[in-house]
């Protein structure tokens, strides 16, 4: 890859990182503890709140995982190995990197790992 390509993908990754961090900040409040105060919240409302809490916690976990992938991709740029599959060391298709700049595997290895 040329330096211009790496700059483009680094910019994309930094934009993704900022976006994910913004979403993570919004989700953080919804993942807090659901209160037991029955005078304020009825049983069904509390159940809805607990379901919302569980969804927010799952979303927060996904955001944290995505941030780790982005940070790892940025580190691979710094190390000079960005765009190489972690499994087979072959180049990852540029079209695949366009779709997800944080991807770690070529399409062949990704398919193998999904099985």
PDB file of N, CA and C in Angstrom:
ATOM      1  N   UNK A   1       0.837  -1.185   0.000  1.00  0.00           N
ATOM      2  CA  UNK A   1       0.000   0.000   0.000  1.00  0.00           C
ATOM      3  C   UNK A   1       0.881   1.248   0.000  1.00  0.00           C
ATOM      4  N   UNK A   2       0.400   2.272  -0.612  1.00  0.00           N
ATOM      5  CA  UNK A   2       1.151   3.514  -0.628  1.00  0.00           C
ATOM      6  C   UNK A   2       0.848   4.298   0.637  1.00  0.00           C
ATOM      7  N   UNK A   3       1.686   5.291   0.922  1.00  0.00           N
ATOM      8  CA  UNK A   3       1.493   6.119   2.112  1.00  0.00           C
ATOM      9  C   UNK A   3       0.153   6.848   2.047  1.00  0.00           C
ATOM     10  N   UNK A   4      -0.252   7.250   0.860  1.00  0.00           N
ATOM     11  CA  UNK A   4      -1.532   7.942   0.709  1.00  0.00           C
ATOM     12  C   UNK A   4      -2.693   7.032   1.123  1.00  0.00           C
ATOM     13  N   UNK A   5      -2.625   5.764   0.733  1.00  0.00           N
ATOM     14  CA  UNK A   5      -3.658   4.816   1.137  1.00  0.00           C
ATOM     15  C   UNK A   5      -3.697   4.669   2.658  1.00  0.00           C
ATOM     16  N   UNK A   6      -2.553   4.569   3.281  1.00  0.00           N
ATOM     17  CA  UNK A   6      -2.495   4.417   4.730  1.00  0.00           C
ATOM     18  C   UNK A   6      -3.049   5.645   5.430  1.00  0.00           C
ATOM     19  N   UNK A   7      -2.752   6.815   4.901  1.00  0.00           N
ATOM     20  CA  UNK A   7      -3.300   8.042   5.481  1.00  0.00           C
ATOM     21  C   UNK A   7      -4.822   8.050   5.388  1.00  0.00           C
ATOM     22  N   UNK A   8      -5.335   7.623   4.258  1.00  0.00           N
ATOM     23  CA  UNK A   8      -6.790   7.561   4.064  1.00  0.00           C
ATOM     24  C   UNK A   8      -7.420   6.626   5.091  1.00  0.00           C
ATOM     25  N   UNK A   9      -6.860   5.417   5.235  1.00  0.00           N
ATOM     26  CA  UNK A   9      -7.440   4.454   6.169  1.00  0.00           C
ATOM     27  C   UNK A   9      -7.245   4.888   7.621  1.00  0.00           C
ATOM     28  N   UNK A  10      -6.142   5.539   7.914  1.00  0.00           N
ATOM     29  CA  UNK A  10      -5.941   6.046   9.274  1.00  0.00           C
ATOM     30  C   UNK A  10      -6.997   7.104   9.600  1.00  0.00           C
ATOM     31  N   UNK A  11      -7.272   7.974   8.639  1.00  0.00           N
ATOM     32  CA  UNK A  11      -8.313   8.990   8.838  1.00  0.00           C
ATOM     33  C   UNK A  11      -9.674   8.338   9.041  1.00  0.00           C
ATOM     34  N   UNK A  12      -9.978   7.337   8.219  1.00  0.00           N
ATOM     35  CA  UNK A  12     -11.256   6.615   8.368  1.00  0.00           C
ATOM     36  C   UNK A  12     -11.359   5.968   9.740  1.00  0.00           C
ATOM     37  N   UNK A  13     -10.284   5.342  10.184  1.00  0.00           N
ATOM     38  CA  UNK A  13     -10.285   4.673  11.486  1.00  0.00           C
ATOM     39  C   UNK A  13     -10.451   5.678  12.625  1.00  0.00           C
ATOM     40  N   UNK A  14      -9.802   6.817  12.525  1.00  0.00           N
ATOM     41  CA  UNK A  14      -9.941   7.842  13.566  1.00  0.00           C
ATOM     42  C   UNK A  14     -11.356   8.401  13.599  1.00  0.00           C
ATOM     43  N   UNK A  15     -11.977   8.553  12.435  1.00  0.00           N
ATOM     44  CA  UNK A  15     -13.375   9.001  12.378  1.00  0.00           C
ATOM     45  C   UNK A  15     -14.294   7.961  13.005  1.00  0.00           C
ATOM     46  N   UNK A  16     -14.045   6.679  12.691  1.00  0.00           N
ATOM     47  CA  UNK A  16     -14.843   5.597  13.288  1.00  0.00           C
ATOM     48  C   UNK A  16     -14.679   5.595  14.804  1.00  0.00           C
ATOM     49  N   UNK A  17     -13.454   5.788  15.262  1.00  0.00           N
ATOM     50  CA  UNK A  17     -13.174   5.782  16.691  1.00  0.00           C
ATOM     51  C   UNK A  17     -13.953   6.896  17.401  1.00  0.00           C
ATOM     52  N   UNK A  18     -13.945   8.087  16.827  1.00  0.00           N
ATOM     53  CA  UNK A  18     -14.674   9.208  17.415  1.00  0.00           C
ATOM     54  C   UNK A  18     -16.173   8.924  17.449  1.00  0.00           C
ATOM     55  N   UNK A  19     -16.688   8.345  16.382  1.00  0.00           N
ATOM     56  CA  UNK A  19     -18.108   8.029  16.317  1.00  0.00           C
ATOM     57  C   UNK A  19     -18.486   6.983  17.367  1.00  0.00           C
ATOM     58  N   UNK A  20     -17.697   5.929  17.487  1.00  0.00           N
ATOM     59  CA  UNK A  20     -17.986   4.868  18.453  1.00  0.00           C
ATOM     60  C   UNK A  20     -17.883   5.406  19.876  1.00  0.00           C
ATOM     61  N   UNK A  21     -16.907   6.266  20.133  1.00  0.00           N
ATOM     62  CA  UNK A  21     -16.761   6.844  21.465  1.00  0.00           C
ATOM     63  C   UNK A  21     -17.955   7.727  21.805  1.00  0.00           C
ATOM     64  N   UNK A  22     -18.485   8.430  20.828  1.00  0.00           N
ATOM     65  CA  UNK A  22     -19.677   9.245  21.057  1.00  0.00           C
ATOM     66  C   UNK A  22     -20.882   8.399  21.386  1.00  0.00           C
ATOM     67  N   UNK A  23     -21.053   7.308  20.665  1.00  0.00           N
ATOM     68  CA  UNK A  23     -22.172   6.396  20.926  1.00  0.00           C
ATOM     69  C   UNK A  23     -22.007   5.750  22.296  1.00  0.00           C
ATOM     70  N   UNK A  24     -20.772   5.360  22.621  1.00  0.00           N
ATOM     71  CA  UNK A  24     -20.514   4.725  23.914  1.00  0.00           C
ATOM     72  C   UNK A  24     -20.878   5.666  25.055  1.00  0.00           C
ATOM     73  N   UNK A  25     -20.630   6.950  24.884  1.00  0.00           N
ATOM     74  CA  UNK A  25     -20.989   7.927  25.914  1.00  0.00           C
ATOM     75  C   UNK A  25     -22.488   8.031  26.092  1.00  0.00           C
ATOM     76  N   UNK A  26     -23.237   7.943  25.003  1.00  0.00           N
ATOM     77  CA  UNK A  26     -24.693   8.012  25.090  1.00  0.00           C
ATOM     78  C   UNK A  26     -25.271   6.775  25.761  1.00  0.00           C
ATOM     79  N   UNK A  27     -24.685   5.629  25.501  1.00  0.00           N
ATOM     80  CA  UNK A  27     -25.196   4.359  26.013  1.00  0.00           C
ATOM     81  C   UNK A  27     -24.871   4.180  27.493  1.00  0.00           C
ATOM     82  N   UNK A  28     -23.793   4.783  27.964  1.00  0.00           N
ATOM     83  CA  UNK A  28     -23.312   4.556  29.323  1.00  0.00           C
ATOM     84  C   UNK A  28     -24.390   4.831  30.380  1.00  0.00           C
ATOM     85  N   UNK A  29     -25.147   5.883  30.223  1.00  0.00           N
ATOM     86  CA  UNK A  29     -26.177   6.205  31.204  1.00  0.00           C
ATOM     87  C   UNK A  29     -27.300   5.189  31.255  1.00  0.00           C
ATOM     88  N   UNK A  30     -27.645   4.634  30.124  1.00  0.00           N
ATOM     89  CA  UNK A  30     -28.744   3.669  30.064  1.00  0.00           C
ATOM     90  C   UNK A  30     -28.359   2.312  30.633  1.00  0.00           C
ATOM     91  N   UNK A  31     -27.090   2.056  30.799  1.00  0.00           N
ATOM     92  CA  UNK A  31     -26.631   0.756  31.296  1.00  0.00           C
ATOM     93  C   UNK A  31     -26.547   0.719  32.819  1.00  0.00           C
ATOM     94  N   UNK A  32     -26.912   1.820  33.485  1.00  0.00           N
ATOM     95  CA  UNK A  32     -26.829   1.889  34.939  1.00  0.00           C
ATOM     96  C   UNK A  32     -27.843   1.004  35.638  1.00  0.00           C
ATOM     97  N   UNK A  33     -27.742   0.971  36.951  1.00  0.00           N
ATOM     98  CA  UNK A  33     -28.595   0.138  37.782  1.00  0.00           C
ATOM     99  C   UNK A  33     -30.042   0.600  37.724  1.00  0.00           C
ATOM    100  N   UNK A  34     -30.962  -0.370  37.654  1.00  0.00           N
ATOM    101  CA  UNK A  34     -32.395  -0.081  37.693  1.00  0.00           C
ATOM    102  C   UNK A  34     -32.827  -0.076  39.153  1.00  0.00           C
ATOM    103  N   UNK A  35     -33.482   0.992  39.582  1.00  0.00           N
ATOM    104  CA  UNK A  35     -33.888   1.128  40.977  1.00  0.00           C
ATOM    105  C   UNK A  35     -35.068   0.231  41.314  1.00  0.00           C
ATOM    106  N   UNK A  36     -35.155  -0.137  42.594  1.00  0.00           N
ATOM    107  CA  UNK A  36     -36.226  -1.007  43.070  1.00  0.00           C
ATOM    108  C   UNK A  36     -37.407  -0.240  43.644  1.00  0.00           C
ATOM    109  N   UNK A  37     -37.419   1.057  43.608  1.00  0.00           N
ATOM    110  CA  UNK A  37     -38.472   1.873  44.209  1.00  0.00           C
ATOM    111  C   UNK A  37     -39.814   1.596  43.542  1.00  0.00           C
ATOM    112  N   UNK A  38     -40.665   0.802  44.206  1.00  0.00           N
ATOM    113  CA  UNK A  38     -41.966   0.431  43.644  1.00  0.00           C
ATOM    114  C   UNK A  38     -42.945   1.602  43.621  1.00  0.00           C
ATOM    115  N   UNK A  39     -42.738   2.617  44.431  1.00  0.00           N
ATOM    116  CA  UNK A  39     -43.623   3.781  44.421  1.00  0.00           C
ATOM    117  C   UNK A  39     -43.429   4.613  43.158  1.00  0.00           C
ATOM    118  N   UNK A  40     -42.225   4.603  42.653  1.00  0.00           N
ATOM    119  CA  UNK A  40     -41.916   5.406  41.477  1.00  0.00           C
ATOM    120  C   UNK A  40     -42.118   4.649  40.175  1.00  0.00           C
ATOM    121  N   UNK A  41     -41.827   3.384  40.187  1.00  0.00           N
ATOM    122  CA  UNK A  41     -41.880   2.592  38.960  1.00  0.00           C
ATOM    123  C   UNK A  41     -42.675   1.329  39.235  1.00  0.00           C
ATOM    124  N   UNK A  42     -43.685   1.063  38.448  1.00  0.00           N
ATOM    125  CA  UNK A  42     -44.470  -0.155  38.590  1.00  0.00           C
ATOM    126  C   UNK A  42     -43.680  -1.364  38.131  1.00  0.00           C
ATOM    127  N   UNK A  43     -44.220  -2.544  38.396  1.00  0.00           N
ATOM    128  CA  UNK A  43     -43.513  -3.789  38.070  1.00  0.00           C
ATOM    129  C   UNK A  43     -43.208  -3.904  36.581  1.00  0.00           C
ATOM    130  N   UNK A  44     -44.208  -3.626  35.736  1.00  0.00           N
ATOM    131  CA  UNK A  44     -43.984  -3.738  34.290  1.00  0.00           C
ATOM    132  C   UNK A  44     -43.019  -2.681  33.784  1.00  0.00           C
ATOM    133  N   UNK A  45     -43.116  -1.482  34.338  1.00  0.00           N
ATOM    134  CA  UNK A  45     -42.189  -0.423  33.935  1.00  0.00           C
ATOM    135  C   UNK A  45     -40.764  -0.786  34.338  1.00  0.00           C
ATOM    136  N   UNK A  46     -40.632  -1.405  35.511  1.00  0.00           N
ATOM    137  CA  UNK A  46     -39.303  -1.823  35.968  1.00  0.00           C
ATOM    138  C   UNK A  46     -38.761  -2.916  35.056  1.00  0.00           C
ATOM    139  N   UNK A  47     -39.620  -3.835  34.641  1.00  0.00           N
ATOM    140  CA  UNK A  47     -39.186  -4.890  33.726  1.00  0.00           C
ATOM    141  C   UNK A  47     -38.732  -4.287  32.397  1.00  0.00           C
ATOM    142  N   UNK A  48     -39.462  -3.295  31.908  1.00  0.00           N
ATOM    143  CA  UNK A  48     -39.054  -2.598  30.686  1.00  0.00           C
ATOM    144  C   UNK A  48     -37.699  -1.918  30.887  1.00  0.00           C
ATOM    145  N   UNK A  49     -37.534  -1.301  32.063  1.00  0.00           N
ATOM    146  CA  UNK A  49     -36.276  -0.621  32.357  1.00  0.00           C
ATOM    147  C   UNK A  49     -35.127  -1.622  32.417  1.00  0.00           C
ATOM    148  N   UNK A  50     -35.384  -2.797  32.993  1.00  0.00           N
ATOM    149  CA  UNK A  50     -34.342  -3.826  33.071  1.00  0.00           C
ATOM    150  C   UNK A  50     -33.991  -4.351  31.685  1.00  0.00           C
ATOM    151  N   UNK A  51     -35.002  -4.489  30.822  1.00  0.00           N
ATOM    152  CA  UNK A  51     -34.737  -4.923  29.454  1.00  0.00           C
ATOM    153  C   UNK A  51     -33.909  -3.864  28.724  1.00  0.00           C
ATOM    154  N   UNK A  52     -34.262  -2.610  28.912  1.00  0.00           N
ATOM    155  CA  UNK A  52     -33.493  -1.520  28.311  1.00  0.00           C
ATOM    156  C   UNK A  52     -32.063  -1.497  28.820  1.00  0.00           C
ATOM    157  N   UNK A  53     -31.902  -1.766  30.114  1.00  0.00           N
ATOM    158  CA  UNK A  53     -30.572  -1.828  30.710  1.00  0.00           C
ATOM    159  C   UNK A  53     -29.742  -2.941  30.069  1.00  0.00           C
ATOM    160  N   UNK A  54     -30.344  -4.114  29.902  1.00  0.00           N
ATOM    161  CA  UNK A  54     -29.634  -5.252  29.300  1.00  0.00           C
ATOM    162  C   UNK A  54     -29.217  -4.930  27.864  1.00  0.00           C
ATOM    163  N   UNK A  55     -30.110  -4.284  27.121  1.00  0.00           N
ATOM    164  CA  UNK A  55     -29.764  -3.913  25.743  1.00  0.00           C
ATOM    165  C   UNK A  55     -28.641  -2.884  25.726  1.00  0.00           C
ATOM    166  N   UNK A  56     -28.671  -1.931  26.662  1.00  0.00           N
ATOM    167  CA  UNK A  56     -27.626  -0.915  26.734  1.00  0.00           C
ATOM    168  C   UNK A  56     -26.284  -1.546  27.108  1.00  0.00           C
ATOM    169  N   UNK A  57     -26.309  -2.529  28.018  1.00  0.00           N
ATOM    170  CA  UNK A  57     -25.068  -3.202  28.394  1.00  0.00           C
ATOM    171  C   UNK A  57     -24.481  -3.979  27.219  1.00  0.00           C
ATOM    172  N   UNK A  58     -25.348  -4.641  26.464  1.00  0.00           N
ATOM    173  CA  UNK A  58     -24.880  -5.377  25.282  1.00  0.00           C
ATOM    174  C   UNK A  58     -24.304  -4.408  24.253  1.00  0.00           C
ATOM    175  N   UNK A  59     -24.959  -3.281  24.075  1.00  0.00           N
ATOM    176  CA  UNK A  59     -24.469  -2.277  23.133  1.00  0.00           C
ATOM    177  C   UNK A  59     -23.123  -1.725  23.592  1.00  0.00           C
ATOM    178  N   UNK A  60     -22.978  -1.487  24.890  1.00  0.00           N
ATOM    179  CA  UNK A  60     -21.717  -0.982  25.425  1.00  0.00           C
ATOM    180  C   UNK A  60     -20.591  -1.991  25.191  1.00  0.00           C
ATOM    181  N   UNK A  61     -20.898  -3.277  25.341  1.00  0.00           N
ATOM    182  CA  UNK A  61     -19.895  -4.315  25.102  1.00  0.00           C
ATOM    183  C   UNK A  61     -19.482  -4.334  23.628  1.00  0.00           C
ATOM    184  N   UNK A  62     -20.459  -4.169  22.724  1.00  0.00           N
ATOM    185  CA  UNK A  62     -20.140  -4.126  21.292  1.00  0.00           C
ATOM    186  C   UNK A  62     -19.282  -2.908  20.969  1.00  0.00           C
ATOM    187  N   UNK A  63     -19.606  -1.766  21.581  1.00  0.00           N
ATOM    188  CA  UNK A  63     -18.835  -0.543  21.337  1.00  0.00           C
ATOM    189  C   UNK A  63     -17.408  -0.718  21.830  1.00  0.00           C
ATOM    190  N   UNK A  64     -17.223  -1.330  23.001  1.00  0.00           N
ATOM    191  CA  UNK A  64     -15.883  -1.557  23.544  1.00  0.00           C
ATOM    192  C   UNK A  64     -15.076  -2.482  22.630  1.00  0.00           C
ATOM    193  N   UNK A  65     -15.733  -3.512  22.119  1.00  0.00           N
ATOM    194  CA  UNK A  65     -15.060  -4.441  21.202  1.00  0.00           C
ATOM    195  C   UNK A  65     -14.659  -3.722  19.911  1.00  0.00           C
ATOM    196  N   UNK A  66     -15.545  -2.903  19.385  1.00  0.00           N
ATOM    197  CA  UNK A  66     -15.250  -2.155  18.161  1.00  0.00           C
ATOM    198  C   UNK A  66     -14.083  -1.202  18.379  1.00  0.00           C
ATOM    199  N   UNK A  67     -14.039  -0.548  19.548  1.00  0.00           N
ATOM    200  CA  UNK A  67     -12.919   0.351  19.847  1.00  0.00           C
ATOM    201  C   UNK A  67     -11.593  -0.411  19.895  1.00  0.00           C
ATOM    202  N   UNK A  68     -11.604  -1.614  20.449  1.00  0.00           N
ATOM    203  CA  UNK A  68     -10.382  -2.422  20.489  1.00  0.00           C
ATOM    204  C   UNK A  68      -9.920  -2.783  19.079  1.00  0.00           C
ATOM    205  N   UNK A  69     -10.871  -3.146  18.205  1.00  0.00           N
ATOM    206  CA  UNK A  69     -10.517  -3.468  16.824  1.00  0.00           C
ATOM    207  C   UNK A  69      -9.917  -2.259  16.116  1.00  0.00           C
ATOM    208  N   UNK A  70     -10.498  -1.092  16.341  1.00  0.00           N
ATOM    209  CA  UNK A  70      -9.999   0.135  15.708  1.00  0.00           C
ATOM    210  C   UNK A  70      -8.601   0.457  16.227  1.00  0.00           C
ATOM    211  N   UNK A  71      -8.409   0.367  17.547  1.00  0.00           N
ATOM    212  CA  UNK A  71      -7.093   0.646  18.122  1.00  0.00           C
ATOM    213  C   UNK A  71      -6.041  -0.327  17.588  1.00  0.00           C
ATOM    214  N   UNK A  72      -6.426  -1.594  17.443  1.00  0.00           N
ATOM    215  CA  UNK A  72      -5.502  -2.591  16.914  1.00  0.00           C
ATOM    216  C   UNK A  72      -5.160  -2.284  15.453  1.00  0.00           C
ATOM    217  N   UNK A  73      -6.145  -1.842  14.668  1.00  0.00           N
ATOM    218  CA  UNK A  73      -5.887  -1.488  13.267  1.00  0.00           C
ATOM    219  C   UNK A  73      -4.952  -0.282  13.181  1.00  0.00           C
ATOM    220  N   UNK A  74      -5.162   0.714  14.048  1.00  0.00           N
ATOM    221  CA  UNK A  74      -4.269   1.874  14.065  1.00  0.00           C
ATOM    222  C   UNK A  74      -2.848   1.454  14.454  1.00  0.00           C
ATOM    223  N   UNK A  75      -2.730   0.513  15.371  1.00  0.00           N
ATOM    224  CA  UNK A  75      -1.407   0.013  15.756  1.00  0.00           C
ATOM    225  C   UNK A  75      -0.746  -0.716  14.590  1.00  0.00           C
ATOM    226  N   UNK A  76      -1.547  -1.467  13.816  1.00  0.00           N
ATOM    227  CA  UNK A  76      -0.987  -2.163  12.648  1.00  0.00           C
ATOM    228  C   UNK A  76      -0.483  -1.167  11.609  1.00  0.00           C
ATOM    229  N   UNK A  77      -1.157  -0.018  11.473  1.00  0.00           N
ATOM    230  CA  UNK A  77      -0.659   1.028  10.565  1.00  0.00           C
ATOM    231  C   UNK A  77       0.705   1.495  11.058  1.00  0.00           C
ATOM    232  N   UNK A  78       0.813   1.787  12.361  1.00  0.00           N
ATOM    233  CA  UNK A  78       2.090   2.236  12.933  1.00  0.00           C
ATOM    234  C   UNK A  78       3.193   1.195  12.756  1.00  0.00           C
ATOM    235  N   UNK A  79       2.811  -0.073  12.859  1.00  0.00           N
ATOM    236  CA  UNK A  79       3.792  -1.164  12.746  1.00  0.00           C
ATOM    237  C   UNK A  79       4.135  -1.513  11.301  1.00  0.00           C
ATOM    238  N   UNK A  80       3.409  -0.932  10.337  1.00  0.00           N
ATOM    239  CA  UNK A  80       3.672  -1.194   8.927  1.00  0.00           C
ATOM    240  C   UNK A  80       3.099  -2.503   8.413  1.00  0.00           C
ATOM    241  N   UNK A  81       2.122  -3.066   9.109  1.00  0.00           N
ATOM    242  CA  UNK A  81       1.535  -4.340   8.674  1.00  0.00           C
ATOM    243  C   UNK A  81       0.030  -4.218   8.415  1.00  0.00           C
ATOM    244  N   UNK A  82      -0.477  -2.998   8.346  1.00  0.00           N
ATOM    245  CA  UNK A  82      -1.906  -2.808   8.079  1.00  0.00           C
ATOM    246  C   UNK A  82      -2.249  -3.348   6.690  1.00  0.00           C
ATOM    247  N   UNK A  83      -3.381  -4.026   6.599  1.00  0.00           N
ATOM    248  CA  UNK A  83      -3.834  -4.567   5.325  1.00  0.00           C
ATOM    249  C   UNK A  83      -3.387  -5.989   5.083  1.00  0.00           C
ATOM    250  N   UNK A  84      -2.654  -6.571   6.041  1.00  0.00           N
ATOM    251  CA  UNK A  84      -2.243  -7.965   5.936  1.00  0.00           C
ATOM    252  C   UNK A  84      -3.106  -8.809   6.872  1.00  0.00           C
ATOM    253  N   UNK A  85      -3.549  -9.939   6.394  1.00  0.00           N
ATOM    254  CA  UNK A  85      -4.381 -10.856   7.162  1.00  0.00           C
ATOM    255  C   UNK A  85      -3.599 -11.383   8.366  1.00  0.00           C
ATOM    256  N   UNK A  86      -4.235 -11.386   9.513  1.00  0.00           N
ATOM    257  CA  UNK A  86      -3.577 -11.893  10.722  1.00  0.00           C
ATOM    258  C   UNK A  86      -3.366 -13.402  10.683  1.00  0.00           C
ATOM    259  N   UNK A  87      -4.145 -14.079   9.880  1.00  0.00           N
ATOM    260  CA  UNK A  87      -4.076 -15.544   9.819  1.00  0.00           C
ATOM    261  C   UNK A  87      -3.044 -16.027   8.794  1.00  0.00           C
ATOM    262  N   UNK A  88      -3.111 -15.510   7.570  1.00  0.00           N
ATOM    263  CA  UNK A  88      -2.270 -16.046   6.484  1.00  0.00           C
ATOM    264  C   UNK A  88      -1.219 -15.062   5.961  1.00  0.00           C
ATOM    265  N   UNK A  89      -1.236 -13.824   6.434  1.00  0.00           N
ATOM    266  CA  UNK A  89      -0.300 -12.771   6.014  1.00  0.00           C
ATOM    267  C   UNK A  89      -0.472 -12.319   4.567  1.00  0.00           C
ATOM    268  N   UNK A  90      -1.535 -12.761   3.891  1.00  0.00           N
ATOM    269  CA  UNK A  90      -1.827 -12.258   2.547  1.00  0.00           C
ATOM    270  C   UNK A  90      -2.485 -10.884   2.665  1.00  0.00           C
ATOM    271  N   UNK A  91      -2.457 -10.144   1.567  1.00  0.00           N
ATOM    272  CA  UNK A  91      -3.087  -8.830   1.560  1.00  0.00           C
ATOM    273  C   UNK A  91      -4.605  -8.972   1.647  1.00  0.00           C
ATOM    274  N   UNK A  92      -5.214  -8.082   2.424  1.00  0.00           N
ATOM    275  CA  UNK A  92      -6.670  -8.003   2.496  1.00  0.00           C
ATOM    276  C   UNK A  92      -7.112  -7.097   1.347  1.00  0.00           C
ATOM    277  N   UNK A  93      -8.148  -7.506   0.632  1.00  0.00           N
ATOM    278  CA  UNK A  93      -8.632  -6.728  -0.512  1.00  0.00           C
ATOM    279  C   UNK A  93      -9.007  -5.311  -0.079  1.00  0.00           C
ATOM    280  N   UNK A  94      -8.625  -4.334  -0.903  1.00  0.00           N
ATOM    281  CA  UNK A  94      -8.922  -2.935  -0.598  1.00  0.00           C
ATOM    282  C   UNK A  94     -10.426  -2.734  -0.458  1.00  0.00           C
ATOM    283  N   UNK A  95     -11.223  -3.418  -1.284  1.00  0.00           N
ATOM    284  CA  UNK A  95     -12.680  -3.294  -1.185  1.00  0.00           C
ATOM    285  C   UNK A  95     -13.169  -3.752   0.187  1.00  0.00           C
ATOM    286  N   UNK A  96     -12.550  -4.789   0.741  1.00  0.00           N
ATOM    287  CA  UNK A  96     -12.924  -5.277   2.080  1.00  0.00           C
ATOM    288  C   UNK A  96     -12.538  -4.248   3.137  1.00  0.00           C
ATOM    289  N   UNK A  97     -11.369  -3.633   2.989  1.00  0.00           N
ATOM    290  CA  UNK A  97     -10.945  -2.588   3.921  1.00  0.00           C
ATOM    291  C   UNK A  97     -11.823  -1.346   3.805  1.00  0.00           C
ATOM    292  N   UNK A  98     -12.317  -1.066   2.609  1.00  0.00           N
ATOM    293  CA  UNK A  98     -13.239   0.063   2.427  1.00  0.00           C
ATOM    294  C   UNK A  98     -14.510  -0.145   3.242  1.00  0.00           C
ATOM    295  N   UNK A  99     -15.006  -1.381   3.244  1.00  0.00           N
ATOM    296  CA  UNK A  99     -16.234  -1.687   3.980  1.00  0.00           C
ATOM    297  C   UNK A  99     -15.982  -1.610   5.481  1.00  0.00           C
ATOM    298  N   UNK A 100     -14.884  -2.198   5.935  1.00  0.00           N
ATOM    299  CA  UNK A 100     -14.540  -2.181   7.359  1.00  0.00           C
ATOM    300  C   UNK A 100     -13.028  -2.006   7.495  1.00  0.00           C
ATOM    301  N   UNK A 101     -12.571  -0.770   7.707  1.00  0.00           N
ATOM    302  CA  UNK A 101     -11.132  -0.524   7.812  1.00  0.00           C
ATOM    303  C   UNK A 101     -10.462  -1.246   8.987  1.00  0.00           C
ATOM    304  N   UNK A 102     -11.237  -1.712   9.948  1.00  0.00           N
ATOM    305  CA  UNK A 102     -10.673  -2.398  11.115  1.00  0.00           C
ATOM    306  C   UNK A 102     -10.619  -3.914  10.929  1.00  0.00           C
ATOM    307  N   UNK A 103     -11.002  -4.398   9.757  1.00  0.00           N
ATOM    308  CA  UNK A 103     -11.025  -5.845   9.542  1.00  0.00           C
ATOM    309  C   UNK A 103      -9.626  -6.431   9.704  1.00  0.00           C
ATOM    310  N   UNK A 104      -9.584  -7.636  10.252  1.00  0.00           N
ATOM    311  CA  UNK A 104      -8.305  -8.266  10.558  1.00  0.00           C
ATOM    312  C   UNK A 104      -7.945  -9.417   9.619  1.00  0.00           C
ATOM    313  N   UNK A 105      -8.918  -9.915   8.872  1.00  0.00           N
ATOM    314  CA  UNK A 105      -8.714 -11.128   8.083  1.00  0.00           C
ATOM    315  C   UNK A 105      -9.139 -10.933   6.632  1.00  0.00           C
ATOM    316  N   UNK A 106      -8.458 -11.636   5.748  1.00  0.00           N
ATOM    317  CA  UNK A 106      -8.895 -11.683   4.348  1.00  0.00           C
ATOM    318  C   UNK A 106     -10.205 -12.483   4.309  1.00  0.00           C
ATOM    319  N   UNK A 107     -10.884 -12.426   3.206  1.00  0.00           N
ATOM    320  CA  UNK A 107     -12.191 -13.072   3.116  1.00  0.00           C
ATOM    321  C   UNK A 107     -12.092 -14.603   3.288  1.00  0.00           C
ATOM    322  N   UNK A 108     -11.046 -15.201   2.759  1.00  0.00           N
ATOM    323  CA  UNK A 108     -10.879 -16.655   2.878  1.00  0.00           C
ATOM    324  C   UNK A 108     -10.706 -17.072   4.327  1.00  0.00           C
ATOM    325  N   UNK A 109      -9.850 -16.388   5.039  1.00  0.00           N
ATOM    326  CA  UNK A 109      -9.613 -16.736   6.447  1.00  0.00           C
ATOM    327  C   UNK A 109     -10.828 -16.404   7.313  1.00  0.00           C
ATOM    328  N   UNK A 110     -11.500 -15.305   7.005  1.00  0.00           N
ATOM    329  CA  UNK A 110     -12.698 -14.941   7.764  1.00  0.00           C
ATOM    330  C   UNK A 110     -13.761 -16.027   7.625  1.00  0.00           C
ATOM    331  N   UNK A 111     -13.916 -16.533   6.417  1.00  0.00           N
ATOM    332  CA  UNK A 111     -14.895 -17.612   6.196  1.00  0.00           C
ATOM    333  C   UNK A 111     -14.502 -18.871   6.950  1.00  0.00           C
ATOM    334  N   UNK A 112     -13.222 -19.201   6.957  1.00  0.00           N
ATOM    335  CA  UNK A 112     -12.748 -20.378   7.683  1.00  0.00           C
ATOM    336  C   UNK A 112     -12.986 -20.227   9.179  1.00  0.00           C
ATOM    337  N   UNK A 113     -12.724 -19.046   9.707  1.00  0.00           N
ATOM    338  CA  UNK A 113     -12.871 -18.806  11.140  1.00  0.00           C
ATOM    339  C   UNK A 113     -14.336 -18.799  11.584  1.00  0.00           C
ATOM    340  N   UNK A 114     -15.249 -18.466  10.678  1.00  0.00           N
ATOM    341  CA  UNK A 114     -16.675 -18.469  11.007  1.00  0.00           C
ATOM    342  C   UNK A 114     -17.234 -19.869  11.129  1.00  0.00           C
ATOM    343  N   UNK A 115     -16.593 -20.829  10.503  1.00  0.00           N
ATOM    344  CA  UNK A 115     -17.088 -22.201  10.557  1.00  0.00           C
ATOM    345  C   UNK A 115     -16.796 -22.852  11.848  1.00  0.00           C
TER     346      UNK A 115
END
